[in-house]
């Protein structure tokens, strides 16, 4: 959607189809810790300080993770990478924006975001793998 596929993209896809992403156990673990901190520790001043410190750390780590996972589609050209990166950053920004709404901290948004992102990555990779498999069956004219 919005990205024309050229011959270079097709060759790269045929030569090296993307690998299915591993489950991000470290990110899920960090997100669970963040969500638990958000739900429980905000009752005391010390808890609020811990939540703010861990949230700042998680904020940076989750942003870096969001950007680096885009490299899984690096074979499809700069426009597609830009499109995927923008979409990923928008999801990340929405999640972090929702965290600022009073009362929303009781929802496990960080964990939900990581799992949803992994599902989206897996779905994207499956689409490209299916395309690569279909392309293997297509031979240029004159070849048999």
Protein backbone atom coordinates (compact mmCIF):
# COMPACT_ATOMS: atom_id res chain seq x y z
CA UNK A 1 0.00 0.00 0.00
CA UNK A 2 1.72 3.18 -1.14
CA UNK A 3 5.03 1.57 -2.13
CA UNK A 4 5.73 0.47 -5.70
CA UNK A 5 7.75 -2.73 -5.86
CA UNK A 6 10.60 -2.64 -8.36
CA UNK A 7 12.84 -5.40 -9.78
CA UNK A 8 15.53 -4.72 -7.17
CA UNK A 9 13.01 -5.29 -4.38
CA UNK A 10 11.82 -8.52 -5.98
CA UNK A 11 15.38 -9.85 -6.39
CA UNK A 12 16.22 -9.04 -2.78
CA UNK A 13 13.03 -10.74 -1.62
CA UNK A 14 13.74 -13.88 -3.68
CA UNK A 15 17.37 -14.08 -2.57
CA UNK A 16 16.80 -13.53 1.11
CA UNK A 17 13.24 -13.71 2.38
CA UNK A 18 12.81 -12.27 5.88
CA UNK A 19 13.03 -14.48 8.93
CA UNK A 20 10.11 -14.77 11.30
CA UNK A 21 10.85 -12.59 14.34
CA UNK A 22 11.60 -14.30 17.63
CA UNK A 23 9.22 -13.59 20.47
CA UNK A 24 10.55 -10.48 22.27
CA UNK A 25 10.74 -12.06 25.73
CA UNK A 26 13.04 -9.36 27.14
CA UNK A 27 10.79 -6.54 25.95
CA UNK A 28 7.67 -8.31 27.22
CA UNK A 29 9.36 -8.83 30.59
CA UNK A 30 10.36 -5.16 30.79
CA UNK A 31 6.84 -4.13 29.78
CA UNK A 32 5.28 -6.35 32.44
CA UNK A 33 7.55 -4.81 35.09
CA UNK A 34 6.59 -1.31 33.87
CA UNK A 35 2.89 -2.13 33.94
CA UNK A 36 3.14 -3.61 37.44
CA UNK A 37 5.04 -0.53 38.62
CA UNK A 38 2.37 1.70 37.07
CA UNK A 39 -0.45 -0.21 38.77
CA UNK A 40 1.01 -0.73 42.23
CA UNK A 41 3.82 1.65 43.09
CA UNK A 42 2.12 4.97 42.42
CA UNK A 43 0.55 4.93 45.92
CA UNK A 44 3.66 6.28 47.67
CA UNK A 45 6.20 9.02 46.99
CA UNK A 46 9.06 6.50 46.79
CA UNK A 47 6.93 4.41 44.45
CA UNK A 48 6.23 7.39 42.22
CA UNK A 49 9.97 8.12 42.00
CA UNK A 50 10.68 4.49 41.06
CA UNK A 51 7.91 4.53 38.47
CA UNK A 52 9.22 7.73 36.90
CA UNK A 53 12.80 6.43 36.76
CA UNK A 54 11.85 3.03 35.35
CA UNK A 55 9.36 4.60 32.93
CA UNK A 56 12.06 6.93 31.58
CA UNK A 57 14.39 3.95 31.10
CA UNK A 58 11.63 1.90 29.47
CA UNK A 59 10.66 4.88 27.27
CA UNK A 60 14.15 4.98 25.73
CA UNK A 61 14.54 1.19 25.42
CA UNK A 62 11.12 0.75 23.82
CA UNK A 63 11.83 3.54 21.32
CA UNK A 64 15.14 1.96 20.29
CA UNK A 65 13.45 -1.45 20.04
CA UNK A 66 10.66 0.05 17.93
CA UNK A 67 13.18 1.50 15.47
CA UNK A 68 15.52 -1.49 15.31
CA UNK A 69 12.81 -4.01 14.55
CA UNK A 70 12.14 -2.13 11.31
CA UNK A 71 15.43 -3.57 9.99
CA UNK A 72 13.56 -6.85 9.40
CA UNK A 73 12.14 -5.34 6.21
CA UNK A 74 15.37 -3.68 5.10
CA UNK A 75 15.31 -5.62 1.83
CA UNK A 76 12.33 -3.71 0.44
CA UNK A 77 13.81 -0.32 -0.26
CA UNK A 78 13.94 3.02 1.47
CA UNK A 79 10.30 4.00 0.90
CA UNK A 80 8.95 0.85 2.53
CA UNK A 81 11.35 1.15 5.45
CA UNK A 82 10.27 4.76 5.96
CA UNK A 83 6.59 3.73 5.80
CA UNK A 84 7.05 0.87 8.29
CA UNK A 85 9.18 3.03 10.62
CA UNK A 86 6.61 5.85 10.60
CA UNK A 87 3.80 3.43 11.38
CA UNK A 88 5.81 1.86 14.21
CA UNK A 89 6.73 5.23 15.72
CA UNK A 90 3.10 6.36 15.56
CA UNK A 91 1.98 3.26 17.49
CA UNK A 92 4.75 3.86 20.02
CA UNK A 93 3.77 7.54 20.40
CA UNK A 94 0.08 6.69 20.85
CA UNK A 95 0.91 4.15 23.55
CA UNK A 96 3.14 6.60 25.38
CA UNK A 97 0.55 9.35 24.98
CA UNK A 98 -2.12 7.12 26.51
CA UNK A 99 0.15 6.45 29.49
CA UNK A 100 -0.09 10.15 30.35
CA UNK A 101 -3.88 10.06 30.72
CA UNK A 102 -4.81 9.88 34.42
CA UNK A 103 -6.18 6.49 35.40
CA UNK A 104 -4.93 4.70 32.31
CA UNK A 105 -1.85 3.46 34.18
CA UNK A 106 -3.94 0.60 35.53
CA UNK A 107 -4.12 -0.87 32.01
CA UNK A 108 -1.20 -3.04 30.86
CA UNK A 109 -0.56 -0.86 27.80
CA UNK A 110 3.20 -1.47 27.58
CA UNK A 111 2.74 -5.25 27.53
CA UNK A 112 -0.12 -4.99 25.05
CA UNK A 113 2.00 -2.75 22.78
CA UNK A 114 4.94 -5.17 22.71
CA UNK A 115 2.73 -8.19 21.99
CA UNK A 116 0.73 -6.31 19.34
CA UNK A 117 3.95 -5.11 17.72
CA UNK A 118 5.34 -8.66 17.63
CA UNK A 119 2.09 -9.90 16.06
CA UNK A 120 2.26 -7.13 13.42
CA UNK A 121 5.91 -7.97 12.66
CA UNK A 122 5.09 -11.66 12.31
CA UNK A 123 2.15 -10.90 10.02
CA UNK A 124 4.31 -8.61 7.85
CA UNK A 125 7.07 -11.19 7.55
CA UNK A 126 4.55 -13.93 6.69
CA UNK A 127 3.21 -11.74 3.89
CA UNK A 128 6.68 -11.23 2.45
CA UNK A 129 7.55 -14.93 2.79
CA UNK A 130 4.37 -15.85 0.90
CA UNK A 131 5.26 -13.32 -1.79
CA UNK A 132 8.76 -14.81 -2.07
CA UNK A 133 7.30 -18.30 -2.40
CA UNK A 134 4.96 -17.12 -5.16
CA UNK A 135 7.84 -15.39 -6.94
CA UNK A 136 9.90 -18.59 -6.94
CA UNK A 137 7.24 -20.18 -9.10
CA UNK A 138 7.35 -17.34 -11.65
CA UNK A 139 10.04 -17.73 -14.30
CA UNK A 140 11.01 -14.96 -16.70
CA UNK A 141 9.86 -15.38 -20.28
CA UNK A 142 12.04 -17.79 -22.23
CA UNK A 143 13.16 -19.80 -19.17
CA UNK A 144 11.76 -23.20 -18.33
